[in-house]
C-alpha atoms as a PDB file:
ATOM      1  CA  UNK A   1       0.000   0.000   0.000  1.00  0.00           C
ATOM      2  CA  UNK A   2       1.070   3.560  -0.656  1.00  0.00           C
ATOM      3  CA  UNK A   3       0.606   5.733   2.437  1.00  0.00           C
ATOM      4  CA  UNK A   4       1.037   9.496   2.107  1.00  0.00           C
ATOM      5  CA  UNK A   5       2.275  11.912   4.723  1.00  0.00           C
ATOM      6  CA  UNK A   6       0.774  15.358   4.125  1.00  0.00           C
ATOM      7  CA  UNK A   7       2.259  18.355   5.919  1.00  0.00           C
ATOM      8  CA  UNK A   8       3.760  21.801   5.777  1.00  0.00           C
ATOM      9  CA  UNK A   9       6.756  22.588   3.605  1.00  0.00           C
ATOM     10  CA  UNK A  10       8.192  24.731   6.397  1.00  0.00           C
ATOM     11  CA  UNK A  11      10.676  23.360   8.918  1.00  0.00           C
ATOM     12  CA  UNK A  12       8.311  23.865  11.844  1.00  0.00           C
ATOM     13  CA  UNK A  13       8.044  21.841  15.010  1.00  0.00           C
ATOM     14  CA  UNK A  14       6.117  19.943  16.108  1.00  0.00           C
ATOM     15  CA  UNK A  15       4.983  19.105  12.554  1.00  0.00           C
ATOM     16  CA  UNK A  16       8.342  17.791  11.351  1.00  0.00           C
ATOM     17  CA  UNK A  17       8.541  15.546  14.415  1.00  0.00           C
ATOM     18  CA  UNK A  18       5.056  14.211  13.733  1.00  0.00           C
ATOM     19  CA  UNK A  19       5.973  13.584  10.091  1.00  0.00           C
ATOM     20  CA  UNK A  20       9.182  11.738  11.002  1.00  0.00           C
ATOM     21  CA  UNK A  21       7.223   9.520  13.413  1.00  0.00           C
ATOM     22  CA  UNK A  22       4.610   8.839  10.723  1.00  0.00           C
ATOM     23  CA  UNK A  23       7.272   7.966   8.149  1.00  0.00           C
ATOM     24  CA  UNK A  24       8.926   5.570  10.590  1.00  0.00           C
ATOM     25  CA  UNK A  25       5.607   3.863  11.417  1.00  0.00           C
ATOM     26  CA  UNK A  26       4.821   3.467   7.719  1.00  0.00           C
ATOM     27  CA  UNK A  27       8.240   1.857   7.190  1.00  0.00           C
ATOM     28  CA  UNK A  28       7.788  -0.537  10.122  1.00  0.00           C
ATOM     29  CA  UNK A  29       4.370  -1.553   8.743  1.00  0.00           C
ATOM     30  CA  UNK A  30       5.969  -2.416   5.386  1.00  0.00           C
ATOM     31  CA  UNK A  31       4.132   0.154   3.275  1.00  0.00           C
ATOM     32  CA  UNK A  32       5.389   2.491   0.558  1.00  0.00           C
ATOM     33  CA  UNK A  33       5.687   6.224   1.313  1.00  0.00           C
ATOM     34  CA  UNK A  34       4.405   9.162  -0.731  1.00  0.00           C
ATOM     35  CA  UNK A  35       5.114  12.823   0.028  1.00  0.00           C
ATOM     36  CA  UNK A  36       5.128  16.111  -1.843  1.00  0.00           C
ATOM     37  CA  UNK A  37       8.901  15.732  -2.207  1.00  0.00           C
ATOM     38  CA  UNK A  38       9.880  19.073  -0.717  1.00  0.00           C
ATOM     39  CA  UNK A  39      11.146  20.455   2.598  1.00  0.00           C
ATOM     40  CA  UNK A  40       9.663  20.533   6.088  1.00  0.00           C
ATOM     41  CA  UNK A  41       7.287  17.734   7.026  1.00  0.00           C
ATOM     42  CA  UNK A  42       7.747  16.071   3.630  1.00  0.00           C
ATOM     43  CA  UNK A  43      11.511  15.715   4.068  1.00  0.00           C
ATOM     44  CA  UNK A  44      11.035  14.708   7.726  1.00  0.00           C
ATOM     45  CA  UNK A  45       8.644  11.887   6.730  1.00  0.00           C
ATOM     46  CA  UNK A  46      11.206  10.571   4.230  1.00  0.00           C
ATOM     47  CA  UNK A  47      13.958  10.768   6.841  1.00  0.00           C
ATOM     48  CA  UNK A  48      11.818   8.897   9.373  1.00  0.00           C
ATOM     49  CA  UNK A  49      10.992   6.259   6.768  1.00  0.00           C
ATOM     50  CA  UNK A  50      14.657   5.659   5.932  1.00  0.00           C
ATOM     51  CA  UNK A  51      15.807   5.733   9.573  1.00  0.00           C
ATOM     52  CA  UNK A  52      13.281   3.011  10.426  1.00  0.00           C
ATOM     53  CA  UNK A  53      14.652   0.798   7.650  1.00  0.00           C
ATOM     54  CA  UNK A  54      11.845   1.270   5.145  1.00  0.00           C
ATOM     55  CA  UNK A  55      12.338  -1.110   2.242  1.00  0.00           C
ATOM     56  CA  UNK A  56       9.356  -0.146   0.090  1.00  0.00           C
ATOM     57  CA  UNK A  57       9.077   2.460  -2.618  1.00  0.00           C
ATOM     58  CA  UNK A  58       9.432   6.146  -1.805  1.00  0.00           C
ATOM     59  CA  UNK A  59       7.481   8.463  -4.082  1.00  0.00           C
ATOM     60  CA  UNK A  60       7.611  12.235  -4.514  1.00  0.00           C
ATOM     61  CA  UNK A  61       4.866  14.102  -6.367  1.00  0.00           C
ATOM     62  CA  UNK A  62       6.296  17.478  -7.294  1.00  0.00           C
ATOM     63  CA  UNK A  63       4.612  20.726  -8.246  1.00  0.00           C
ATOM     64  CA  UNK A  64       5.754  22.723 -11.249  1.00  0.00           C
ATOM     65  CA  UNK A  65       9.341  23.899 -11.451  1.00  0.00           C
ATOM     66  CA  UNK A  66      10.925  22.210  -8.440  1.00  0.00           C
ATOM     67  CA  UNK A  67      13.301  19.353  -7.753  1.00  0.00           C
ATOM     68  CA  UNK A  68      12.900  16.763  -4.981  1.00  0.00           C
ATOM     69  CA  UNK A  69      14.579  17.360  -1.654  1.00  0.00           C
ATOM     70  CA  UNK A  70      15.605  13.868  -0.655  1.00  0.00           C
ATOM     71  CA  UNK A  71      16.430  10.469  -2.054  1.00  0.00           C
ATOM     72  CA  UNK A  72      13.180   9.233  -3.605  1.00  0.00           C
ATOM     73  CA  UNK A  73      12.967   6.138  -5.797  1.00  0.00           C
ATOM     74  CA  UNK A  74      10.073   7.473  -7.879  1.00  0.00           C
ATOM     75  CA  UNK A  75       9.718  11.166  -8.745  1.00  0.00           C
ATOM     76  CA  UNK A  76       6.614  12.429 -10.542  1.00  0.00           C
ATOM     77  CA  UNK A  77       6.985  15.928 -11.988  1.00  0.00           C
ATOM     78  CA  UNK A  78       3.425  17.121 -12.485  1.00  0.00           C
ATOM     79  CA  UNK A  79       3.921  20.634 -13.859  1.00  0.00           C
ATOM     80  CA  UNK A  80       0.892  21.539 -11.696  1.00  0.00           C
ATOM     81  CA  UNK A  81       0.710  24.111  -8.904  1.00  0.00           C
ATOM     82  CA  UNK A  82       0.799  23.209  -5.209  1.00  0.00           C
ATOM     83  CA  UNK A  83      -1.729  25.557  -3.612  1.00  0.00           C
ATOM     84  CA  UNK A  84      -0.633  27.201  -0.380  1.00  0.00           C
ATOM     85  CA  UNK A  85      -4.113  28.314   0.554  1.00  0.00           C
ATOM     86  CA  UNK A  86      -7.389  26.464   0.736  1.00  0.00           C
ATOM     87  CA  UNK A  87      -8.222  25.537  -2.837  1.00  0.00           C
ATOM     88  CA  UNK A  88     -10.281  22.698  -4.199  1.00  0.00           C
ATOM     89  CA  UNK A  89      -8.878  22.250  -7.687  1.00  0.00           C
ATOM     90  CA  UNK A  90      -8.379  18.992  -9.561  1.00  0.00           C
ATOM     91  CA  UNK A  91      -5.602  20.621 -11.531  1.00  0.00           C
ATOM     92  CA  UNK A  92      -3.177  20.724  -8.627  1.00  0.00           C
ATOM     93  CA  UNK A  93      -0.389  18.590  -7.278  1.00  0.00           C
ATOM     94  CA  UNK A  94      -2.434  18.107  -4.090  1.00  0.00           C
ATOM     95  CA  UNK A  95      -5.208  16.347  -6.008  1.00  0.00           C
ATOM     96  CA  UNK A  96      -2.648  14.026  -7.632  1.00  0.00           C
ATOM     97  CA  UNK A  97      -1.209  13.204  -4.175  1.00  0.00           C
ATOM     98  CA  UNK A  98      -4.641  12.156  -2.940  1.00  0.00           C
ATOM     99  CA  UNK A  99      -5.425  10.128  -6.074  1.00  0.00           C
ATOM    100  CA  UNK A 100      -2.165   8.163  -6.019  1.00  0.00           C
ATOM    101  CA  UNK A 101      -2.056   7.089  -2.374  1.00  0.00           C
ATOM    102  CA  UNK A 102      -4.207   4.442  -0.721  1.00  0.00           C
ATOM    103  CA  UNK A 103      -4.361   6.231   2.648  1.00  0.00           C
ATOM    104  CA  UNK A 104      -2.819   9.271   4.312  1.00  0.00           C
ATOM    105  CA  UNK A 105      -1.611  10.766   7.553  1.00  0.00           C
ATOM    106  CA  UNK A 106      -1.868  14.571   7.819  1.00  0.00           C
ATOM    107  CA  UNK A 107       0.422  16.315  10.306  1.00  0.00           C
ATOM    108  CA  UNK A 108      -0.351  20.046  10.030  1.00  0.00           C
ATOM    109  CA  UNK A 109      -3.417  22.295   9.665  1.00  0.00           C
ATOM    110  CA  UNK A 110      -1.851  24.351   6.866  1.00  0.00           C
ATOM    111  CA  UNK A 111      -3.664  25.303   3.659  1.00  0.00           C
ATOM    112  CA  UNK A 112      -2.164  22.807   1.231  1.00  0.00           C
ATOM    113  CA  UNK A 113      -2.421  19.975   3.745  1.00  0.00           C
ATOM    114  CA  UNK A 114      -6.088  20.721   4.443  1.00  0.00           C
ATOM    115  CA  UNK A 115      -6.713  20.648   0.689  1.00  0.00           C
ATOM    116  CA  UNK A 116      -5.159  17.169   0.553  1.00  0.00           C
ATOM    117  CA  UNK A 117      -7.268  16.039   3.524  1.00  0.00           C
ATOM    118  CA  UNK A 118     -10.376  17.333   1.755  1.00  0.00           C
ATOM    119  CA  UNK A 119      -9.525  15.403  -1.397  1.00  0.00           C
ATOM    120  CA  UNK A 120      -8.940  12.219   0.628  1.00  0.00           C
ATOM    121  CA  UNK A 121     -12.339  12.568   2.301  1.00  0.00           C
ATOM    122  CA  UNK A 122     -14.056  13.405  -0.980  1.00  0.00           C
ATOM    123  CA  UNK A 123     -12.455  10.365  -2.635  1.00  0.00           C
ATOM    124  CA  UNK A 124     -13.514   8.153   0.292  1.00  0.00           C
ATOM    125  CA  UNK A 125      -9.960   7.191   1.203  1.00  0.00           C
ATOM    126  CA  UNK A 126      -8.736   6.619   4.777  1.00  0.00           C
ATOM    127  CA  UNK A 127      -7.040   9.638   6.309  1.00  0.00           C
ATOM    128  CA  UNK A 128      -6.101  10.504   9.877  1.00  0.00           C
ATOM    129  CA  UNK A 129      -4.696  13.591  11.575  1.00  0.00           C
ATOM    130  CA  UNK A 130      -1.595  13.136  13.721  1.00  0.00           C
ATOM    131  CA  UNK A 131      -1.144  16.085  16.041  1.00  0.00           C
ATOM    132  CA  UNK A 132      -2.648  18.172  18.782  1.00  0.00           C
ATOM    133  CA  UNK A 133      -6.363  18.660  19.319  1.00  0.00           C
ATOM    134  CA  UNK A 134      -5.927  22.399  18.712  1.00  0.00           C
ATOM    135  CA  UNK A 135      -4.392  21.715  15.290  1.00  0.00           C
ATOM    136  CA  UNK A 136      -7.076  19.143  14.495  1.00  0.00           C
ATOM    137  CA  UNK A 137      -9.776  21.701  15.399  1.00  0.00           C
ATOM    138  CA  UNK A 138      -8.120  24.257  13.118  1.00  0.00           C
ATOM    139  CA  UNK A 139      -8.012  21.716  10.270  1.00  0.00           C
ATOM    140  CA  UNK A 140     -11.674  20.793  10.824  1.00  0.00           C
ATOM    141  CA  UNK A 141     -12.716  24.469  10.794  1.00  0.00           C
ATOM    142  CA  UNK A 142     -10.838  24.911   7.503  1.00  0.00           C
ATOM    143  CA  UNK A 143     -12.502  21.808   6.048  1.00  0.00           C
ATOM    144  CA  UNK A 144     -15.900  23.480   6.440  1.00  0.00           C
ATOM    145  CA  UNK A 145     -15.024  25.499   3.333  1.00  0.00           C
ATOM    146  CA  UNK A 146     -15.071  22.324   1.226  1.00  0.00           C
ATOM    147  CA  UNK A 147     -18.036  20.126   0.245  1.00  0.00           C
ATOM    148  CA  UNK A 148     -16.722  16.977   1.942  1.00  0.00           C
ATOM    149  CA  UNK A 149     -18.063  14.397   4.309  1.00  0.00           C
ATOM    150  CA  UNK A 150     -16.388  11.707   6.312  1.00  0.00           C
ATOM    151  CA  UNK A 151     -14.490  11.181   9.513  1.00  0.00           C
ATOM    152  CA  UNK A 152     -11.054  12.581  10.205  1.00  0.00           C
ATOM    153  CA  UNK A 153      -9.798  10.498  13.139  1.00  0.00           C
ATOM    154  CA  UNK A 154      -7.153  12.002  15.381  1.00  0.00           C
ATOM    155  CA  UNK A 155      -4.059  10.251  16.697  1.00  0.00           C
ATOM    156  CA  UNK A 156      -2.453  12.031  19.622  1.00  0.00           C
ATOM    157  CA  UNK A 157       1.287  12.790  19.459  1.00  0.00           C
ATOM    158  CA  UNK A 158       3.196   9.717  20.571  1.00  0.00           C
ATOM    159  CA  UNK A 159       0.282   7.378  19.838  1.00  0.00           C
ATOM    160  CA  UNK A 160       1.113   4.194  17.972  1.00  0.00           C
ATOM    161  CA  UNK A 161       0.112   4.183  14.310  1.00  0.00           C
ATOM    162  CA  UNK A 162      -0.267   0.420  14.198  1.00  0.00           C
ATOM    163  CA  UNK A 163      -4.030   0.480  14.792  1.00  0.00           C
ATOM    164  CA  UNK A 164      -4.628   2.948  11.929  1.00  0.00           C
ATOM    165  CA  UNK A 165      -2.205   1.194   9.589  1.00  0.00           C
ATOM    166  CA  UNK A 166      -3.545  -2.231  10.590  1.00  0.00           C
ATOM    167  CA  UNK A 167      -7.078  -1.128   9.746  1.00  0.00           C
ATOM    168  CA  UNK A 168      -5.997  -0.529   6.143  1.00  0.00           C
ATOM    169  CA  UNK A 169      -5.592  -4.226   5.379  1.00  0.00           C
END
C-alpha cells in the first residue's frame, strides 16, 4: 500500500517531528511512502521512513518547477501548482497526491495539507490527523469550506500508528 504523509513545507516543530514519526511507522508496517517531495514535514517523513529501515518504494509528487529534496525512488513531476491556501482544484499537485495514495496521515493544519485532507475525504480514502487537538480543530474548521463528508480520526502525538495502519488491510 502507498501511504502518504501530508504536511507543511516549512521546517516547523512539532509538525516535522510528527511527520518523522509517521514515516517511521509506515516503514515498520511495510508500506510504501508518498510525500510532496519538498522540505519541512515532507523531508522529515522521508527521513523517518529511511531511519526506520523502510524497504518499500518512496514516491515524490512534485509541483511545477521544483526538484525533490531527498532520495526518492520514484519522482513524478506534475507541472501543476501546489496551492498554499485552501483551494479545491483537480488541476493541482495536491489532487494528484490524494489520487495516487491508498491512505494518508496529515500532520499540520496548513492550507495545502487541508486541501489534501479534503480530497482524501471526498475520494472516500482513509485519512487521519496526527497532532494536537488544537491543530485538528483548526483543520476541521478549515474543512468546512469544502463540500466533503467523512471522519477525520485524530491520533495524539506519541500514539502508535499500528491500529490505523492495521485497519488498512
